[in-house]
Every structure is written in structure tokens, then in C-alpha cells.
Amino acid sequence: MSSAEGENAVAAARKNLAGVRVLVVEDAWHVAKALKSTLEDMGMCVAGPVARIAEAKHLLDKEVPDLAVVDVNLKGEMAYDLIGELHDRGVRVIVVSGYAVLPSSLDKAAAILQKPFSGSALLTTLQQVMKDKPPQVVN
């Protein structure tokens, strides 16, 4: 991909993802910080990051996001129930994991990203998961 093609892809992604509300649940602070920065650069509205399921549920009680990026293992606390709850509330979930093989079924996840992942892999996944997002209402 040429530099111009890459810039066009990023510009298209920004247009498609602008205003999407996303919850970030990640316990590795450097990964969480990089995710938040990348998502905000795409014009997304980020809640979090939070590192524990209880914190994620607290944010979820305040506002239901369009999308969640969730690490499956939060310092030994497995996020399967949170992923199921998010899915059941209509939230699209991208699971991030360092596991080569996940220890439980993630049929409610919209996508799974294997750590470490590149910015372009994240961008592609975001676009695929959000390609059918409803139009935004602007007041």
C-alpha cells in the first residue's frame, strides 16, 4: 500500500468511525493508553480505559456504548460474563487476547484480535465490526 493509499484508508476510517462510542476494558496500562489514543484519533468517543469488570459495569450502567474492546483476561479475572452482557445489550465486542487458543467459547464476540496486534489490524477490525452502524442523529 502506498503512502497516499494508507492516508486515504485512515481518512475513510475516521469518517466511518467518527462519533462511535467505545468502552475500553484492558488491564495492561500501556496497551489501554495506546488503544484510547488510537480510537480517539479515529474520532471515536472513548469511555475508560478501565482494568476491572466492576469498573466496566459501572460505566455500562451510565451509558451503553456502540462498541467495546475487551481484554479477555484482566489480571486473572476472566471477562466472559461481561462480554455476554455487552452482547446481550446490543454492544458489538472486539475481544483482545494474548492467548493462542482461548479457554472458552467467544461466540458473542464480533471479532477477536490476537495480541500483539498492529494499528492497521485494529483499524481493519473496527471497520468490519462497525460497517453496519446506524446513522448518527445530530442535534
C-alpha atoms as a PDB file:
ATOM      1  CA  MET A   1       0.000   0.000   0.000  1.00  0.00           C
ATOM      2  CA  SER A   2       1.409   3.373  -0.939  1.00  0.00           C
ATOM      3  CA  SER A   3       1.574   6.276   1.493  1.00  0.00           C
ATOM      4  CA  ALA A   4      -1.322   8.017  -0.282  1.00  0.00           C
ATOM      5  CA  GLU A   5      -3.429   4.837  -0.163  1.00  0.00           C
ATOM      6  CA  GLY A   6      -2.691   4.483   3.543  1.00  0.00           C
ATOM      7  CA  GLU A   7      -3.700   8.081   4.209  1.00  0.00           C
ATOM      8  CA  ASN A   8      -6.915   7.571   2.219  1.00  0.00           C
ATOM      9  CA  ALA A   9      -7.728   4.432   4.230  1.00  0.00           C
ATOM     10  CA  VAL A  10      -7.212   6.277   7.523  1.00  0.00           C
ATOM     11  CA  ALA A  11      -9.327   9.214   6.317  1.00  0.00           C
ATOM     12  CA  ALA A  12     -12.133   6.840   5.311  1.00  0.00           C
ATOM     13  CA  ALA A  13     -11.917   5.097   8.674  1.00  0.00           C
ATOM     14  CA  ARG A  14     -12.134   8.402  10.520  1.00  0.00           C
ATOM     15  CA  LYS A  15     -15.267   9.292   8.583  1.00  0.00           C
ATOM     16  CA  ASN A  16     -16.874   5.877   9.209  1.00  0.00           C
ATOM     17  CA  LEU A  17     -15.935   5.663  12.886  1.00  0.00           C
ATOM     18  CA  ALA A  18     -16.446   9.279  13.955  1.00  0.00           C
ATOM     19  CA  GLY A  19     -18.759   9.540  16.942  1.00  0.00           C
ATOM     20  CA  VAL A  20     -18.851   5.817  17.703  1.00  0.00           C
ATOM     21  CA  ARG A  21     -18.979   5.348  21.484  1.00  0.00           C
ATOM     22  CA  VAL A  22     -16.467   2.721  22.608  1.00  0.00           C
ATOM     23  CA  LEU A  23     -15.698   1.217  26.000  1.00  0.00           C
ATOM     24  CA  VAL A  24     -12.095   0.073  26.529  1.00  0.00           C
ATOM     25  CA  VAL A  25     -11.530  -2.692  29.106  1.00  0.00           C
ATOM     26  CA  GLU A  26      -7.809  -3.511  29.299  1.00  0.00           C
ATOM     27  CA  ASP A  27      -5.574  -4.188  32.308  1.00  0.00           C
ATOM     28  CA  ALA A  28      -2.177  -3.528  30.682  1.00  0.00           C
ATOM     29  CA  TRP A  29      -1.874   0.245  31.079  1.00  0.00           C
ATOM     30  CA  HIS A  30       0.413   0.752  28.055  1.00  0.00           C
ATOM     31  CA  VAL A  31      -1.995  -1.178  25.809  1.00  0.00           C
ATOM     32  CA  ALA A  32      -5.013   0.658  27.254  1.00  0.00           C
ATOM     33  CA  LYS A  33      -3.374   4.043  26.742  1.00  0.00           C
ATOM     34  CA  ALA A  34      -2.387   3.212  23.145  1.00  0.00           C
ATOM     35  CA  LEU A  35      -5.898   1.909  22.387  1.00  0.00           C
ATOM     36  CA  LYS A  36      -7.534   5.034  23.797  1.00  0.00           C
ATOM     37  CA  SER A  37      -5.226   7.296  21.804  1.00  0.00           C
ATOM     38  CA  THR A  38      -5.748   5.365  18.559  1.00  0.00           C
ATOM     39  CA  LEU A  39      -9.530   5.240  18.953  1.00  0.00           C
ATOM     40  CA  GLU A  40      -9.736   8.946  19.743  1.00  0.00           C
ATOM     41  CA  ASP A  41      -7.558   9.674  16.687  1.00  0.00           C
ATOM     42  CA  MET A  42     -10.248   7.891  14.662  1.00  0.00           C
ATOM     43  CA  GLY A  43     -12.849  10.290  16.070  1.00  0.00           C
ATOM     44  CA  MET A  44     -14.387   7.738  18.424  1.00  0.00           C
ATOM     45  CA  CYS A  45     -15.722   8.717  21.861  1.00  0.00           C
ATOM     46  CA  VAL A  46     -13.851   6.571  24.396  1.00  0.00           C
ATOM     47  CA  ALA A  47     -15.116   5.548  27.838  1.00  0.00           C
ATOM     48  CA  GLY A  48     -12.322   4.252  30.030  1.00  0.00           C
ATOM     49  CA  PRO A  49      -9.997   2.608  29.838  1.00  0.00           C
ATOM     50  CA  VAL A  50     -10.856   0.511  32.859  1.00  0.00           C
ATOM     51  CA  ALA A  51      -8.943  -2.521  34.107  1.00  0.00           C
ATOM     52  CA  ARG A  52     -11.610  -4.414  36.051  1.00  0.00           C
ATOM     53  CA  ILE A  53     -15.009  -5.875  35.232  1.00  0.00           C
ATOM     54  CA  ALA A  54     -16.709  -3.972  38.086  1.00  0.00           C
ATOM     55  CA  GLU A  55     -15.414  -0.681  36.653  1.00  0.00           C
ATOM     56  CA  ALA A  56     -16.666  -1.631  33.184  1.00  0.00           C
ATOM     57  CA  LYS A  57     -20.115  -2.458  34.557  1.00  0.00           C
ATOM     58  CA  HIS A  58     -20.179   0.858  36.416  1.00  0.00           C
ATOM     59  CA  LEU A  59     -19.549   2.722  33.129  1.00  0.00           C
ATOM     60  CA  LEU A  60     -22.076   0.490  31.359  1.00  0.00           C
ATOM     61  CA  ASP A  61     -24.731   1.490  33.913  1.00  0.00           C
ATOM     62  CA  LYS A  62     -24.166   5.150  32.962  1.00  0.00           C
ATOM     63  CA  GLU A  63     -24.199   4.757  29.183  1.00  0.00           C
ATOM     64  CA  VAL A  64     -24.348   1.819  26.786  1.00  0.00           C
ATOM     65  CA  PRO A  65     -21.621   2.148  24.143  1.00  0.00           C
ATOM     66  CA  ASP A  66     -21.850   1.139  20.492  1.00  0.00           C
ATOM     67  CA  LEU A  67     -18.703  -0.946  20.748  1.00  0.00           C
ATOM     68  CA  ALA A  68     -16.418  -2.408  23.407  1.00  0.00           C
ATOM     69  CA  VAL A  69     -12.800  -3.506  23.155  1.00  0.00           C
ATOM     70  CA  VAL A  70     -12.297  -6.047  25.941  1.00  0.00           C
ATOM     71  CA  ASP A  71      -9.220  -7.973  27.084  1.00  0.00           C
ATOM     72  CA  VAL A  72     -10.456 -11.456  27.957  1.00  0.00           C
ATOM     73  CA  ASN A  73      -8.113 -11.859  30.957  1.00  0.00           C
ATOM     74  CA  LEU A  74      -7.999  -8.920  33.358  1.00  0.00           C
ATOM     75  CA  LYS A  75      -5.261  -9.924  35.827  1.00  0.00           C
ATOM     76  CA  GLY A  76      -6.850 -13.354  36.265  1.00  0.00           C
ATOM     77  CA  GLU A  77     -10.445 -12.101  36.151  1.00  0.00           C
ATOM     78  CA  MET A  78     -11.975 -13.657  33.029  1.00  0.00           C
ATOM     79  CA  ALA A  79     -14.314 -11.326  31.103  1.00  0.00           C
ATOM     80  CA  TYR A  80     -16.658 -13.893  29.536  1.00  0.00           C
ATOM     81  CA  ASP A  81     -19.719 -12.780  31.522  1.00  0.00           C
ATOM     82  CA  LEU A  82     -19.008  -9.123  30.718  1.00  0.00           C
ATOM     83  CA  ILE A  83     -18.677  -9.980  27.017  1.00  0.00           C
ATOM     84  CA  GLY A  84     -22.004 -11.814  27.159  1.00  0.00           C
ATOM     85  CA  GLU A  85     -23.702  -8.928  28.961  1.00  0.00           C
ATOM     86  CA  LEU A  86     -22.368  -6.387  26.470  1.00  0.00           C
ATOM     87  CA  HIS A  87     -23.548  -8.536  23.552  1.00  0.00           C
ATOM     88  CA  ASP A  88     -26.981  -9.016  25.124  1.00  0.00           C
ATOM     89  CA  ARG A  89     -27.296  -5.214  25.436  1.00  0.00           C
ATOM     90  CA  GLY A  90     -26.583  -4.772  21.726  1.00  0.00           C
ATOM     91  CA  VAL A  91     -22.936  -3.755  22.072  1.00  0.00           C
ATOM     92  CA  ARG A  92     -20.509  -5.060  19.461  1.00  0.00           C
ATOM     93  CA  VAL A  93     -17.499  -6.583  21.230  1.00  0.00           C
ATOM     94  CA  ILE A  94     -13.934  -6.884  19.967  1.00  0.00           C
ATOM     95  CA  VAL A  95     -12.031  -9.252  22.230  1.00  0.00           C
ATOM     96  CA  VAL A  96      -8.280  -8.790  22.548  1.00  0.00           C
ATOM     97  CA  SER A  97      -6.229 -11.643  23.930  1.00  0.00           C
ATOM     98  CA  GLY A  98      -2.702 -12.890  24.281  1.00  0.00           C
ATOM     99  CA  TYR A  99      -3.952 -16.477  24.313  1.00  0.00           C
ATOM    100  CA  ALA A 100      -3.158 -18.503  21.196  1.00  0.00           C
ATOM    101  CA  VAL A 101      -6.224 -20.625  21.984  1.00  0.00           C
ATOM    102  CA  LEU A 102      -8.921 -19.070  24.106  1.00  0.00           C
ATOM    103  CA  PRO A 103     -10.005 -21.170  27.083  1.00  0.00           C
ATOM    104  CA  SER A 104     -13.736 -20.646  26.487  1.00  0.00           C
ATOM    105  CA  SER A 105     -16.126 -20.016  23.625  1.00  0.00           C
ATOM    106  CA  LEU A 106     -16.474 -16.420  22.467  1.00  0.00           C
ATOM    107  CA  ASP A 107     -19.428 -16.800  20.132  1.00  0.00           C
ATOM    108  CA  LYS A 108     -20.823 -13.456  21.327  1.00  0.00           C
ATOM    109  CA  ALA A 109     -17.726 -11.545  20.207  1.00  0.00           C
ATOM    110  CA  ALA A 110     -17.947  -9.629  16.937  1.00  0.00           C
ATOM    111  CA  ALA A 111     -14.193 -10.145  16.411  1.00  0.00           C
ATOM    112  CA  ILE A 112     -11.083 -11.393  18.173  1.00  0.00           C
ATOM    113  CA  LEU A 113      -7.717  -9.659  17.931  1.00  0.00           C
ATOM    114  CA  GLN A 114      -4.631 -11.621  18.923  1.00  0.00           C
ATOM    115  CA  LYS A 115      -2.067  -9.635  20.934  1.00  0.00           C
ATOM    116  CA  PRO A 116       0.186  -8.120  19.860  1.00  0.00           C
ATOM    117  CA  PHE A 117      -1.750  -6.509  17.002  1.00  0.00           C
ATOM    118  CA  SER A 118      -0.877  -3.662  14.681  1.00  0.00           C
ATOM    119  CA  GLY A 119      -2.701  -0.392  14.254  1.00  0.00           C
ATOM    120  CA  SER A 120      -3.744  -1.472  10.774  1.00  0.00           C
ATOM    121  CA  ALA A 121      -5.191  -4.749  12.126  1.00  0.00           C
ATOM    122  CA  LEU A 122      -7.158  -2.768  14.708  1.00  0.00           C
ATOM    123  CA  LEU A 123      -8.376  -0.330  12.057  1.00  0.00           C
ATOM    124  CA  THR A 124      -9.477  -3.138   9.726  1.00  0.00           C
ATOM    125  CA  THR A 125     -11.286  -4.901  12.574  1.00  0.00           C
ATOM    126  CA  LEU A 126     -13.034  -1.705  13.684  1.00  0.00           C
ATOM    127  CA  GLN A 127     -14.241  -1.045  10.145  1.00  0.00           C
ATOM    128  CA  GLN A 128     -15.520  -4.614   9.720  1.00  0.00           C
ATOM    129  CA  VAL A 129     -17.327  -4.650  13.057  1.00  0.00           C
ATOM    130  CA  MET A 130     -18.878  -1.198  12.621  1.00  0.00           C
ATOM    131  CA  LYS A 131     -19.633  -1.346   8.887  1.00  0.00           C
ATOM    132  CA  ASP A 132     -23.360  -1.600   9.526  1.00  0.00           C
ATOM    133  CA  LYS A 133     -23.587   1.051  12.242  1.00  0.00           C
ATOM    134  CA  PRO A 134     -26.828   3.012  12.201  1.00  0.00           C
ATOM    135  CA  PRO A 135     -26.696   6.631  11.101  1.00  0.00           C
ATOM    136  CA  GLN A 136     -25.997   9.122  13.860  1.00  0.00           C
ATOM    137  CA  VAL A 137     -28.550  11.633  14.995  1.00  0.00           C
ATOM    138  CA  VAL A 138     -27.055  15.114  15.146  1.00  0.00           C
ATOM    139  CA  ASN A 139     -28.879  17.793  17.128  1.00  0.00           C
END
